[in-house]
Amino acid sequence: MPYILAILVLAVGVYAVSCKKNVVKIIVGIMIMEHAVNLFLLLMTYRASEAGVVAPILTRGQDAAAFAATAADPTPQALILTSIVIGLGVVALMVAMALRLHEKYGTFDLSRIRSLRG
């Protein structure tokens, strides 16, 4: 049930990418889809049925077996951080390409760029 929010956010991003003609709006749609995937990964780590879930930081004197049973899985957290860093690089590249398009054609509208390219 908590995945519905991630699916709705992903649907908004897909709509923006598929239906908009402005390059900036398409970039925002791609960013929204990226955040939806990150939200989905975050929701996968949520364990509502188990009480007492702790951060995955082992301290001295702590029982390793009990810690492993109650600690949150750090793998999705690492995937989300990696995704954020890669997404930032991709967005920077897309913005640079959009600025070059605007510099060359004077517009962000894809249909106008296609007609001017001729």
PDB file of N, CA and C in Angstrom:
ATOM      1  N   MET A   1       0.796  -1.206   0.000  1.00  0.00           N
ATOM      2  CA  MET A   1       0.000   0.000   0.000  1.00  0.00           C
ATOM      3  C   MET A   1       0.846   1.282   0.000  1.00  0.00           C
ATOM      4  N   PRO A   2       1.976   1.326   0.702  1.00  0.00           N
ATOM      5  CA  PRO A   2       2.751   2.576   0.668  1.00  0.00           C
ATOM      6  C   PRO A   2       3.420   2.836  -0.677  1.00  0.00           C
ATOM      7  N   TYR A   3       3.439   1.828  -1.546  1.00  0.00           N
ATOM      8  CA  TYR A   3       4.072   2.006  -2.848  1.00  0.00           C
ATOM      9  C   TYR A   3       3.219   2.837  -3.799  1.00  0.00           C
ATOM     10  N   ILE A   4       1.970   3.069  -3.457  1.00  0.00           N
ATOM     11  CA  ILE A   4       1.072   3.834  -4.332  1.00  0.00           C
ATOM     12  C   ILE A   4       1.600   5.253  -4.545  1.00  0.00           C
ATOM     13  N   LEU A   5       2.144   5.852  -3.491  1.00  0.00           N
ATOM     14  CA  LEU A   5       2.698   7.203  -3.613  1.00  0.00           C
ATOM     15  C   LEU A   5       3.852   7.226  -4.616  1.00  0.00           C
ATOM     16  N   ALA A   6       4.735   6.245  -4.538  1.00  0.00           N
ATOM     17  CA  ALA A   6       5.859   6.189  -5.477  1.00  0.00           C
ATOM     18  C   ALA A   6       5.366   5.991  -6.905  1.00  0.00           C
ATOM     19  N   ILE A   7       4.332   5.179  -7.079  1.00  0.00           N
ATOM     20  CA  ILE A   7       3.777   4.944  -8.416  1.00  0.00           C
ATOM     21  C   ILE A   7       3.133   6.216  -8.964  1.00  0.00           C
ATOM     22  N   LEU A   8       2.425   6.961  -8.106  1.00  0.00           N
ATOM     23  CA  LEU A   8       1.805   8.214  -8.549  1.00  0.00           C
ATOM     24  C   LEU A   8       2.854   9.251  -8.950  1.00  0.00           C
ATOM     25  N   VAL A   9       3.914   9.353  -8.161  1.00  0.00           N
ATOM     26  CA  VAL A   9       4.982  10.301  -8.491  1.00  0.00           C
ATOM     27  C   VAL A   9       5.660   9.894  -9.797  1.00  0.00           C
ATOM     28  N   LEU A  10       5.864   8.590  -9.990  1.00  0.00           N
ATOM     29  CA  LEU A  10       6.443   8.106 -11.240  1.00  0.00           C
ATOM     30  C   LEU A  10       5.529   8.416 -12.425  1.00  0.00           C
ATOM     31  N   ALA A  11       4.221   8.287 -12.231  1.00  0.00           N
ATOM     32  CA  ALA A  11       3.269   8.586 -13.308  1.00  0.00           C
ATOM     33  C   ALA A  11       3.319  10.066 -13.693  1.00  0.00           C
ATOM     34  N   VAL A  12       3.484  10.946 -12.710  1.00  0.00           N
ATOM     35  CA  VAL A  12       3.611  12.379 -13.006  1.00  0.00           C
ATOM     36  C   VAL A  12       4.866  12.633 -13.840  1.00  0.00           C
ATOM     37  N   GLY A  13       5.967  11.973 -13.480  1.00  0.00           N
ATOM     38  CA  GLY A  13       7.200  12.130 -14.247  1.00  0.00           C
ATOM     39  C   GLY A  13       7.085  11.600 -15.662  1.00  0.00           C
ATOM     40  N   VAL A  14       6.438  10.447 -15.821  1.00  0.00           N
ATOM     41  CA  VAL A  14       6.249   9.879 -17.161  1.00  0.00           C
ATOM     42  C   VAL A  14       5.374  10.796 -18.005  1.00  0.00           C
ATOM     43  N   TYR A  15       4.334  11.378 -17.390  1.00  0.00           N
ATOM     44  CA  TYR A  15       3.479  12.329 -18.113  1.00  0.00           C
ATOM     45  C   TYR A  15       4.294  13.527 -18.594  1.00  0.00           C
ATOM     46  N   ALA A  16       5.135  14.067 -17.716  1.00  0.00           N
ATOM     47  CA  ALA A  16       5.921  15.246 -18.087  1.00  0.00           C
ATOM     48  C   ALA A  16       6.890  14.931 -19.219  1.00  0.00           C
ATOM     49  N   VAL A  17       7.494  13.762 -19.185  1.00  0.00           N
ATOM     50  CA  VAL A  17       8.462  13.409 -20.227  1.00  0.00           C
ATOM     51  C   VAL A  17       7.769  13.127 -21.555  1.00  0.00           C
ATOM     52  N   SER A  18       6.618  12.469 -21.501  1.00  0.00           N
ATOM     53  CA  SER A  18       5.983  12.049 -22.752  1.00  0.00           C
ATOM     54  C   SER A  18       5.088  13.115 -23.384  1.00  0.00           C
ATOM     55  N   CYS A  19       4.540  14.032 -22.607  1.00  0.00           N
ATOM     56  CA  CYS A  19       3.549  14.971 -23.152  1.00  0.00           C
ATOM     57  C   CYS A  19       4.040  16.406 -23.296  1.00  0.00           C
ATOM     58  N   LYS A  20       5.098  16.770 -22.651  1.00  0.00           N
ATOM     59  CA  LYS A  20       5.568  18.152 -22.715  1.00  0.00           C
ATOM     60  C   LYS A  20       6.544  18.341 -23.861  1.00  0.00           C
ATOM     61  N   LYS A  21       6.557  19.533 -24.436  1.00  0.00           N
ATOM     62  CA  LYS A  21       7.435  19.859 -25.561  1.00  0.00           C
ATOM     63  C   LYS A  21       8.598  20.764 -25.157  1.00  0.00           C
ATOM     64  N   ASN A  22       8.576  21.255 -23.931  1.00  0.00           N
ATOM     65  CA  ASN A  22       9.620  22.139 -23.452  1.00  0.00           C
ATOM     66  C   ASN A  22      10.749  21.299 -22.852  1.00  0.00           C
ATOM     67  N   VAL A  23      11.988  21.584 -23.225  1.00  0.00           N
ATOM     68  CA  VAL A  23      13.130  20.803 -22.758  1.00  0.00           C
ATOM     69  C   VAL A  23      13.276  20.899 -21.243  1.00  0.00           C
ATOM     70  N   VAL A  24      13.042  22.068 -20.672  1.00  0.00           N
ATOM     71  CA  VAL A  24      13.169  22.242 -19.227  1.00  0.00           C
ATOM     72  C   VAL A  24      12.127  21.395 -18.495  1.00  0.00           C
ATOM     73  N   LYS A  25      10.905  21.354 -19.006  1.00  0.00           N
ATOM     74  CA  LYS A  25       9.864  20.541 -18.378  1.00  0.00           C
ATOM     75  C   LYS A  25      10.172  19.051 -18.497  1.00  0.00           C
ATOM     76  N   ILE A  26      10.797  18.648 -19.577  1.00  0.00           N
ATOM     77  CA  ILE A  26      11.200  17.251 -19.731  1.00  0.00           C
ATOM     78  C   ILE A  26      12.291  16.904 -18.722  1.00  0.00           C
ATOM     79  N   ILE A  27      13.230  17.808 -18.511  1.00  0.00           N
ATOM     80  CA  ILE A  27      14.282  17.580 -17.516  1.00  0.00           C
ATOM     81  C   ILE A  27      13.674  17.465 -16.125  1.00  0.00           C
ATOM     82  N   VAL A  28      12.715  18.328 -15.806  1.00  0.00           N
ATOM     83  CA  VAL A  28      12.037  18.244 -14.507  1.00  0.00           C
ATOM     84  C   VAL A  28      11.289  16.913 -14.380  1.00  0.00           C
ATOM     85  N   GLY A  29      10.671  16.446 -15.460  1.00  0.00           N
ATOM     86  CA  GLY A  29       9.988  15.160 -15.441  1.00  0.00           C
ATOM     87  C   GLY A  29      10.941  14.009 -15.177  1.00  0.00           C
ATOM     88  N   ILE A  30      12.123  14.052 -15.769  1.00  0.00           N
ATOM     89  CA  ILE A  30      13.127  13.016 -15.517  1.00  0.00           C
ATOM     90  C   ILE A  30      13.577  13.057 -14.063  1.00  0.00           C
ATOM     91  N   MET A  31      13.731  14.263 -13.516  1.00  0.00           N
ATOM     92  CA  MET A  31      14.101  14.384 -12.104  1.00  0.00           C
ATOM     93  C   MET A  31      13.008  13.820 -11.204  1.00  0.00           C
ATOM     94  N   ILE A  32      11.751  14.068 -11.542  1.00  0.00           N
ATOM     95  CA  ILE A  32      10.636  13.539 -10.753  1.00  0.00           C
ATOM     96  C   ILE A  32      10.640  12.013 -10.792  1.00  0.00           C
ATOM     97  N   MET A  33      10.902  11.435 -11.962  1.00  0.00           N
ATOM     98  CA  MET A  33      10.960   9.972 -12.049  1.00  0.00           C
ATOM     99  C   MET A  33      12.111   9.414 -11.217  1.00  0.00           C
ATOM    100  N   GLU A  34      13.239  10.107 -11.215  1.00  0.00           N
ATOM    101  CA  GLU A  34      14.370   9.671 -10.397  1.00  0.00           C
ATOM    102  C   GLU A  34      14.005   9.686  -8.914  1.00  0.00           C
ATOM    103  N   HIS A  35      13.328  10.734  -8.486  1.00  0.00           N
ATOM    104  CA  HIS A  35      12.922  10.811  -7.082  1.00  0.00           C
ATOM    105  C   HIS A  35      11.888   9.743  -6.743  1.00  0.00           C
ATOM    106  N   ALA A  36      11.044   9.382  -7.695  1.00  0.00           N
ATOM    107  CA  ALA A  36      10.064   8.319  -7.461  1.00  0.00           C
ATOM    108  C   ALA A  36      10.758   6.980  -7.239  1.00  0.00           C
ATOM    109  N   VAL A  37      11.797   6.715  -8.006  1.00  0.00           N
ATOM    110  CA  VAL A  37      12.548   5.468  -7.817  1.00  0.00           C
ATOM    111  C   VAL A  37      13.245   5.474  -6.460  1.00  0.00           C
ATOM    112  N   ASN A  38      13.813   6.613  -6.073  1.00  0.00           N
ATOM    113  CA  ASN A  38      14.439   6.711  -4.752  1.00  0.00           C
ATOM    114  C   ASN A  38      13.412   6.514  -3.642  1.00  0.00           C
ATOM    115  N   LEU A  39      12.221   7.076  -3.809  1.00  0.00           N
ATOM    116  CA  LEU A  39      11.159   6.891  -2.825  1.00  0.00           C
ATOM    117  C   LEU A  39      10.753   5.427  -2.736  1.00  0.00           C
ATOM    118  N   PHE A  40      10.672   4.747  -3.872  1.00  0.00           N
ATOM    119  CA  PHE A  40      10.333   3.324  -3.878  1.00  0.00           C
ATOM    120  C   PHE A  40      11.385   2.512  -3.126  1.00  0.00           C
ATOM    121  N   LEU A  41      12.669   2.803  -3.367  1.00  0.00           N
ATOM    122  CA  LEU A  41      13.723   2.092  -2.644  1.00  0.00           C
ATOM    123  C   LEU A  41      13.650   2.369  -1.151  1.00  0.00           C
ATOM    124  N   LEU A  42      13.334   3.594  -0.781  1.00  0.00           N
ATOM    125  CA  LEU A  42      13.203   3.933   0.630  1.00  0.00           C
ATOM    126  C   LEU A  42      12.032   3.205   1.267  1.00  0.00           C
ATOM    127  N   LEU A  43      10.914   3.124   0.552  1.00  0.00           N
ATOM    128  CA  LEU A  43       9.748   2.428   1.085  1.00  0.00           C
ATOM    129  C   LEU A  43       9.977   0.926   1.187  1.00  0.00           C
ATOM    130  N   MET A  44      10.854   0.380   0.361  1.00  0.00           N
ATOM    131  CA  MET A  44      11.171  -1.046   0.461  1.00  0.00           C
ATOM    132  C   MET A  44      11.868  -1.378   1.773  1.00  0.00           C
ATOM    133  N   THR A  45      12.624  -0.434   2.320  1.00  0.00           N
ATOM    134  CA  THR A  45      13.366  -0.697   3.553  1.00  0.00           C
ATOM    135  C   THR A  45      12.505  -0.533   4.794  1.00  0.00           C
ATOM    136  N   TYR A  46      11.333   0.044   4.654  1.00  0.00           N
ATOM    137  CA  TYR A  46      10.462   0.309   5.799  1.00  0.00           C
ATOM    138  C   TYR A  46       9.842  -0.993   6.288  1.00  0.00           C
ATOM    139  N   ARG A  47       9.985  -1.249   7.581  1.00  0.00           N
ATOM    140  CA  ARG A  47       9.407  -2.456   8.168  1.00  0.00           C
ATOM    141  C   ARG A  47       8.401  -2.028   9.230  1.00  0.00           C
ATOM    142  N   ALA A  48       7.147  -1.928   8.851  1.00  0.00           N
ATOM    143  CA  ALA A  48       6.118  -1.453   9.772  1.00  0.00           C
ATOM    144  C   ALA A  48       5.742  -2.508  10.798  1.00  0.00           C
ATOM    145  N   SER A  49       5.867  -3.776  10.462  1.00  0.00           N
ATOM    146  CA  SER A  49       5.423  -4.826  11.370  1.00  0.00           C
ATOM    147  C   SER A  49       6.388  -5.049  12.522  1.00  0.00           C
ATOM    148  N   GLU A  50       7.628  -4.628  12.367  1.00  0.00           N
ATOM    149  CA  GLU A  50       8.618  -4.869  13.405  1.00  0.00           C
ATOM    150  C   GLU A  50       8.883  -3.588  14.188  1.00  0.00           C
ATOM    151  N   ALA A  51       8.760  -3.684  15.502  1.00  0.00           N
ATOM    152  CA  ALA A  51       9.037  -2.533  16.362  1.00  0.00           C
ATOM    153  C   ALA A  51      10.513  -2.560  16.764  1.00  0.00           C
ATOM    154  N   GLY A  52      11.078  -1.419  16.978  1.00  0.00           N
ATOM    155  CA  GLY A  52      12.446  -1.335  17.462  1.00  0.00           C
ATOM    156  C   GLY A  52      13.506  -1.462  16.390  1.00  0.00           C
ATOM    157  N   VAL A  53      13.211  -1.082  15.168  1.00  0.00           N
ATOM    158  CA  VAL A  53      14.214  -1.116  14.109  1.00  0.00           C
ATOM    159  C   VAL A  53      15.197   0.022  14.356  1.00  0.00           C
ATOM    160  N   VAL A  54      16.493  -0.305  14.345  1.00  0.00           N
ATOM    161  CA  VAL A  54      17.523   0.681  14.659  1.00  0.00           C
ATOM    162  C   VAL A  54      18.402   0.919  13.439  1.00  0.00           C
ATOM    163  N   ALA A  55      19.161   1.995  13.500  1.00  0.00           N
ATOM    164  CA  ALA A  55      20.113   2.307  12.429  1.00  0.00           C
ATOM    165  C   ALA A  55      21.215   1.254  12.408  1.00  0.00           C
ATOM    166  N   PRO A  56      21.770   0.944  11.244  1.00  0.00           N
ATOM    167  CA  PRO A  56      22.769  -0.123  11.146  1.00  0.00           C
ATOM    168  C   PRO A  56      24.165   0.312  11.589  1.00  0.00           C
ATOM    169  N   ILE A  57      24.293   0.675  12.872  1.00  0.00           N
ATOM    170  CA  ILE A  57      25.574   1.079  13.436  1.00  0.00           C
ATOM    171  C   ILE A  57      25.848   0.182  14.637  1.00  0.00           C
ATOM    172  N   LEU A  58      26.846  -0.690  14.515  1.00  0.00           N
ATOM    173  CA  LEU A  58      27.188  -1.638  15.570  1.00  0.00           C
ATOM    174  C   LEU A  58      28.168  -0.980  16.526  1.00  0.00           C
ATOM    175  N   THR A  59      27.862  -1.036  17.820  1.00  0.00           N
ATOM    176  CA  THR A  59      28.744  -0.466  18.835  1.00  0.00           C
ATOM    177  C   THR A  59      29.404  -1.586  19.624  1.00  0.00           C
ATOM    178  N   ARG A  60      30.421  -1.230  20.398  1.00  0.00           N
ATOM    179  CA  ARG A  60      31.137  -2.214  21.202  1.00  0.00           C
ATOM    180  C   ARG A  60      30.240  -2.797  22.282  1.00  0.00           C
ATOM    181  N   GLY A  61      30.363  -4.094  22.485  1.00  0.00           N
ATOM    182  CA  GLY A  61      29.609  -4.758  23.532  1.00  0.00           C
ATOM    183  C   GLY A  61      28.192  -5.129  23.138  1.00  0.00           C
ATOM    184  N   GLN A  62      27.816  -4.879  21.934  1.00  0.00           N
ATOM    185  CA  GLN A  62      26.464  -5.184  21.472  1.00  0.00           C
ATOM    186  C   GLN A  62      26.447  -6.591  20.872  1.00  0.00           C
ATOM    187  N   ASP A  63      25.396  -7.339  21.161  1.00  0.00           N
ATOM    188  CA  ASP A  63      25.257  -8.695  20.643  1.00  0.00           C
ATOM    189  C   ASP A  63      25.001  -8.628  19.137  1.00  0.00           C
ATOM    190  N   ALA A  64      25.848  -9.294  18.356  1.00  0.00           N
ATOM    191  CA  ALA A  64      25.767  -9.208  16.895  1.00  0.00           C
ATOM    192  C   ALA A  64      24.503  -9.868  16.352  1.00  0.00           C
ATOM    193  N   ALA A  65      24.069 -10.965  16.948  1.00  0.00           N
ATOM    194  CA  ALA A  65      22.876 -11.663  16.448  1.00  0.00           C
ATOM    195  C   ALA A  65      21.620 -10.830  16.687  1.00  0.00           C
ATOM    196  N   ALA A  66      21.509 -10.236  17.876  1.00  0.00           N
ATOM    197  CA  ALA A  66      20.349  -9.395  18.178  1.00  0.00           C
ATOM    198  C   ALA A  66      20.367  -8.129  17.326  1.00  0.00           C
ATOM    199  N   PHE A  67      21.570  -7.609  17.087  1.00  0.00           N
ATOM    200  CA  PHE A  67      21.692  -6.414  16.256  1.00  0.00           C
ATOM    201  C   PHE A  67      21.256  -6.698  14.825  1.00  0.00           C
ATOM    202  N   ALA A  68      21.670  -7.843  14.282  1.00  0.00           N
ATOM    203  CA  ALA A  68      21.314  -8.190  12.906  1.00  0.00           C
ATOM    204  C   ALA A  68      19.811  -8.373  12.745  1.00  0.00           C
ATOM    205  N   ALA A  69      19.135  -8.805  13.803  1.00  0.00           N
ATOM    206  CA  ALA A  69      17.686  -9.015  13.724  1.00  0.00           C
ATOM    207  C   ALA A  69      16.912  -7.706  13.766  1.00  0.00           C
ATOM    208  N   THR A  70      17.478  -6.676  14.397  1.00  0.00           N
ATOM    209  CA  THR A  70      16.736  -5.422  14.566  1.00  0.00           C
ATOM    210  C   THR A  70      17.248  -4.272  13.699  1.00  0.00           C
ATOM    211  N   ALA A  71      18.395  -4.431  13.065  1.00  0.00           N
ATOM    212  CA  ALA A  71      18.970  -3.323  12.291  1.00  0.00           C
ATOM    213  C   ALA A  71      18.305  -3.208  10.923  1.00  0.00           C
ATOM    214  N   ALA A  72      18.201  -1.991  10.458  1.00  0.00           N
ATOM    215  CA  ALA A  72      17.678  -1.743   9.112  1.00  0.00           C
ATOM    216  C   ALA A  72      18.731  -2.156   8.086  1.00  0.00           C
ATOM    217  N   ASP A  73      18.282  -2.548   6.916  1.00  0.00           N
ATOM    218  CA  ASP A  73      19.189  -2.977   5.858  1.00  0.00           C
ATOM    219  C   ASP A  73      19.874  -1.750   5.247  1.00  0.00           C
ATOM    220  N   PRO A  74      21.215  -1.673   5.295  1.00  0.00           N
ATOM    221  CA  PRO A  74      21.898  -0.487   4.768  1.00  0.00           C
ATOM    222  C   PRO A  74      22.070  -0.480   3.250  1.00  0.00           C
ATOM    223  N   THR A  75      21.826  -1.605   2.581  1.00  0.00           N
ATOM    224  CA  THR A  75      22.051  -1.668   1.133  1.00  0.00           C
ATOM    225  C   THR A  75      21.150  -0.708   0.351  1.00  0.00           C
ATOM    226  N   PRO A  76      19.836  -0.676   0.595  1.00  0.00           N
ATOM    227  CA  PRO A  76      19.010   0.300  -0.137  1.00  0.00           C
ATOM    228  C   PRO A  76      19.393   1.748   0.162  1.00  0.00           C
ATOM    229  N   GLN A  77      19.842   2.008   1.378  1.00  0.00           N
ATOM    230  CA  GLN A  77      20.273   3.364   1.711  1.00  0.00           C
ATOM    231  C   GLN A  77      21.492   3.753   0.878  1.00  0.00           C
ATOM    232  N   ALA A  78      22.427   2.823   0.724  1.00  0.00           N
ATOM    233  CA  ALA A  78      23.604   3.090  -0.106  1.00  0.00           C
ATOM    234  C   ALA A  78      23.214   3.249  -1.574  1.00  0.00           C
ATOM    235  N   LEU A  79      22.248   2.456  -2.040  1.00  0.00           N
ATOM    236  CA  LEU A  79      21.772   2.591  -3.422  1.00  0.00           C
ATOM    237  C   LEU A  79      21.126   3.953  -3.654  1.00  0.00           C
ATOM    238  N   ILE A  80      20.366   4.427  -2.681  1.00  0.00           N
ATOM    239  CA  ILE A  80      19.714   5.729  -2.812  1.00  0.00           C
ATOM    240  C   ILE A  80      20.755   6.846  -2.870  1.00  0.00           C
ATOM    241  N   LEU A  81      21.761   6.785  -1.997  1.00  0.00           N
ATOM    242  CA  LEU A  81      22.812   7.807  -2.032  1.00  0.00           C
ATOM    243  C   LEU A  81      23.561   7.791  -3.363  1.00  0.00           C
ATOM    244  N   THR A  82      23.859   6.602  -3.865  1.00  0.00           N
ATOM    245  CA  THR A  82      24.527   6.491  -5.159  1.00  0.00           C
ATOM    246  C   THR A  82      23.645   7.040  -6.271  1.00  0.00           C
ATOM    247  N   SER A  83      22.364   6.741  -6.212  1.00  0.00           N
ATOM    248  CA  SER A  83      21.426   7.232  -7.217  1.00  0.00           C
ATOM    249  C   SER A  83      21.324   8.753  -7.196  1.00  0.00           C
ATOM    250  N   ILE A  84      21.353   9.342  -6.023  1.00  0.00           N
ATOM    251  CA  ILE A  84      21.284  10.800  -5.917  1.00  0.00           C
ATOM    252  C   ILE A  84      22.508  11.442  -6.570  1.00  0.00           C
ATOM    253  N   VAL A  85      23.685  10.886  -6.305  1.00  0.00           N
ATOM    254  CA  VAL A  85      24.917  11.453  -6.864  1.00  0.00           C
ATOM    255  C   VAL A  85      24.943  11.298  -8.385  1.00  0.00           C
ATOM    256  N   ILE A  86      24.582  10.120  -8.878  1.00  0.00           N
ATOM    257  CA  ILE A  86      24.555   9.904 -10.327  1.00  0.00           C
ATOM    258  C   ILE A  86      23.493  10.790 -10.974  1.00  0.00           C
ATOM    259  N   GLY A  87      22.335  10.910 -10.331  1.00  0.00           N
ATOM    260  CA  GLY A  87      21.268  11.758 -10.854  1.00  0.00           C
ATOM    261  C   GLY A  87      21.679  13.215 -10.948  1.00  0.00           C
ATOM    262  N   LEU A  88      22.453  13.680  -9.982  1.00  0.00           N
ATOM    263  CA  LEU A  88      22.932  15.059 -10.023  1.00  0.00           C
ATOM    264  C   LEU A  88      23.833  15.284 -11.234  1.00  0.00           C
ATOM    265  N   GLY A  89      24.706  14.330 -11.511  1.00  0.00           N
ATOM    266  CA  GLY A  89      25.566  14.443 -12.685  1.00  0.00           C
ATOM    267  C   GLY A  89      24.781  14.415 -13.984  1.00  0.00           C
ATOM    268  N   VAL A  90      23.770  13.550 -14.049  1.00  0.00           N
ATOM    269  CA  VAL A  90      22.942  13.448 -15.253  1.00  0.00           C
ATOM    270  C   VAL A  90      22.149  14.734 -15.469  1.00  0.00           C
ATOM    271  N   VAL A  91      21.602  15.289 -14.397  1.00  0.00           N
ATOM    272  CA  VAL A  91      20.837  16.539 -14.513  1.00  0.00           C
ATOM    273  C   VAL A  91      21.750  17.682 -14.948  1.00  0.00           C
ATOM    274  N   ALA A  92      22.959  17.735 -14.409  1.00  0.00           N
ATOM    275  CA  ALA A  92      23.896  18.783 -14.823  1.00  0.00           C
ATOM    276  C   ALA A  92      24.216  18.668 -16.312  1.00  0.00           C
ATOM    277  N   LEU A  93      24.394  17.445 -16.796  1.00  0.00           N
ATOM    278  CA  LEU A  93      24.653  17.239 -18.220  1.00  0.00           C
ATOM    279  C   LEU A  93      23.446  17.639 -19.068  1.00  0.00           C
ATOM    280  N   MET A  94      22.237  17.279 -18.626  1.00  0.00           N
ATOM    281  CA  MET A  94      21.033  17.638 -19.384  1.00  0.00           C
ATOM    282  C   MET A  94      20.826  19.146 -19.419  1.00  0.00           C
ATOM    283  N   VAL A  95      21.090  19.819 -18.306  1.00  0.00           N
ATOM    284  CA  VAL A  95      20.940  21.277 -18.275  1.00  0.00           C
ATOM    285  C   VAL A  95      21.961  21.931 -19.204  1.00  0.00           C
ATOM    286  N   ALA A  96      23.191  21.415 -19.207  1.00  0.00           N
ATOM    287  CA  ALA A  96      24.206  21.966 -20.110  1.00  0.00           C
ATOM    288  C   ALA A  96      23.800  21.772 -21.569  1.00  0.00           C
ATOM    289  N   MET A  97      23.254  20.598 -21.893  1.00  0.00           N
ATOM    290  CA  MET A  97      22.807  20.358 -23.268  1.00  0.00           C
ATOM    291  C   MET A  97      21.615  21.242 -23.621  1.00  0.00           C
ATOM    292  N   ALA A  98      20.708  21.460 -22.668  1.00  0.00           N
ATOM    293  CA  ALA A  98      19.558  22.329 -22.920  1.00  0.00           C
ATOM    294  C   ALA A  98      20.009  23.768 -23.150  1.00  0.00           C
ATOM    295  N   LEU A  99      20.995  24.211 -22.390  1.00  0.00           N
ATOM    296  CA  LEU A  99      21.509  25.567 -22.598  1.00  0.00           C
ATOM    297  C   LEU A  99      22.176  25.709 -23.962  1.00  0.00           C
ATOM    298  N   ARG A 100      22.871  24.670 -24.403  1.00  0.00           N
ATOM    299  CA  ARG A 100      23.471  24.708 -25.744  1.00  0.00           C
ATOM    300  C   ARG A 100      22.397  24.745 -26.829  1.00  0.00           C
ATOM    301  N   LEU A 101      21.311  23.984 -26.633  1.00  0.00           N
ATOM    302  CA  LEU A 101      20.194  24.032 -27.577  1.00  0.00           C
ATOM    303  C   LEU A 101      19.595  25.432 -27.638  1.00  0.00           C
ATOM    304  N   HIS A 102      19.408  26.041 -26.468  1.00  0.00           N
ATOM    305  CA  HIS A 102      18.835  27.387 -26.421  1.00  0.00           C
ATOM    306  C   HIS A 102      19.781  28.397 -27.057  1.00  0.00           C
ATOM    307  N   GLU A 103      21.065  28.196 -26.841  1.00  0.00           N
ATOM    308  CA  GLU A 103      22.058  29.093 -27.428  1.00  0.00           C
ATOM    309  C   GLU A 103      22.043  29.004 -28.958  1.00  0.00           C
ATOM    310  N   LYS A 104      21.846  27.792 -29.470  1.00  0.00           N
ATOM    311  CA  LYS A 104      21.884  27.593 -30.920  1.00  0.00           C
ATOM    312  C   LYS A 104      20.570  27.967 -31.597  1.00  0.00           C
ATOM    313  N   TYR A 105      19.426  27.575 -30.991  1.00  0.00           N
ATOM    314  CA  TYR A 105      18.126  27.764 -31.641  1.00  0.00           C
ATOM    315  C   TYR A 105      17.287  28.889 -31.036  1.00  0.00           C
ATOM    316  N   GLY A 106      17.640  29.366 -29.844  1.00  0.00           N
ATOM    317  CA  GLY A 106      16.907  30.467 -29.236  1.00  0.00           C
ATOM    318  C   GLY A 106      15.596  30.082 -28.585  1.00  0.00           C
ATOM    319  N   THR A 107      15.355  28.789 -28.386  1.00  0.00           N
ATOM    320  CA  THR A 107      14.113  28.341 -27.769  1.00  0.00           C
ATOM    321  C   THR A 107      14.343  27.004 -27.065  1.00  0.00           C
ATOM    322  N   PHE A 108      13.437  26.691 -26.128  1.00  0.00           N
ATOM    323  CA  PHE A 108      13.453  25.387 -25.466  1.00  0.00           C
ATOM    324  C   PHE A 108      12.364  24.465 -26.011  1.00  0.00           C
ATOM    325  N   ASP A 109      11.555  24.953 -26.935  1.00  0.00           N
ATOM    326  CA  ASP A 109      10.445  24.176 -27.483  1.00  0.00           C
ATOM    327  C   ASP A 109      10.965  23.163 -28.507  1.00  0.00           C
ATOM    328  N   LEU A 110      10.707  21.873 -28.257  1.00  0.00           N
ATOM    329  CA  LEU A 110      11.240  20.830 -29.134  1.00  0.00           C
ATOM    330  C   LEU A 110      10.641  20.852 -30.535  1.00  0.00           C
ATOM    331  N   SER A 111       9.354  21.157 -30.655  1.00  0.00           N
ATOM    332  CA  SER A 111       8.754  21.195 -31.993  1.00  0.00           C
ATOM    333  C   SER A 111       9.344  22.338 -32.820  1.00  0.00           C
ATOM    334  N   ARG A 112       9.615  23.451 -32.185  1.00  0.00           N
ATOM    335  CA  ARG A 112      10.235  24.576 -32.894  1.00  0.00           C
ATOM    336  C   ARG A 112      11.688  24.258 -33.248  1.00  0.00           C
ATOM    337  N   ILE A 113      12.389  23.564 -32.354  1.00  0.00           N
ATOM    338  CA  ILE A 113      13.778  23.182 -32.641  1.00  0.00           C
ATOM    339  C   ILE A 113      13.825  22.234 -33.838  1.00  0.00           C
ATOM    340  N   ARG A 114      12.870  21.294 -33.891  1.00  0.00           N
ATOM    341  CA  ARG A 114      12.827  20.363 -35.029  1.00  0.00           C
ATOM    342  C   ARG A 114      12.569  21.101 -36.345  1.00  0.00           C
ATOM    343  N   SER A 115      11.705  22.110 -36.305  1.00  0.00           N
ATOM    344  CA  SER A 115      11.417  22.849 -37.543  1.00  0.00           C
ATOM    345  C   SER A 115      12.583  23.756 -37.941  1.00  0.00           C
ATOM    346  N   LEU A 116      13.316  24.289 -36.961  1.00  0.00           N
ATOM    347  CA  LEU A 116      14.454  25.155 -37.272  1.00  0.00           C
ATOM    348  C   LEU A 116      15.663  24.361 -37.738  1.00  0.00           C
ATOM    349  N   ARG A 117      15.725  23.099 -37.328  1.00  0.00           N
ATOM    350  CA  ARG A 117      16.874  22.270 -37.658  1.00  0.00           C
ATOM    351  C   ARG A 117      16.967  22.023 -39.157  1.00  0.00           C
ATOM    352  N   GLY A 118      15.829  21.832 -39.804  1.00  0.00           N
ATOM    353  CA  GLY A 118      15.631  21.574 -41.204  1.00  0.00           C
ATOM    354  C   GLY A 118      16.751  21.740 -42.087  1.00  0.00           C
TER     355      GLY A 118
END
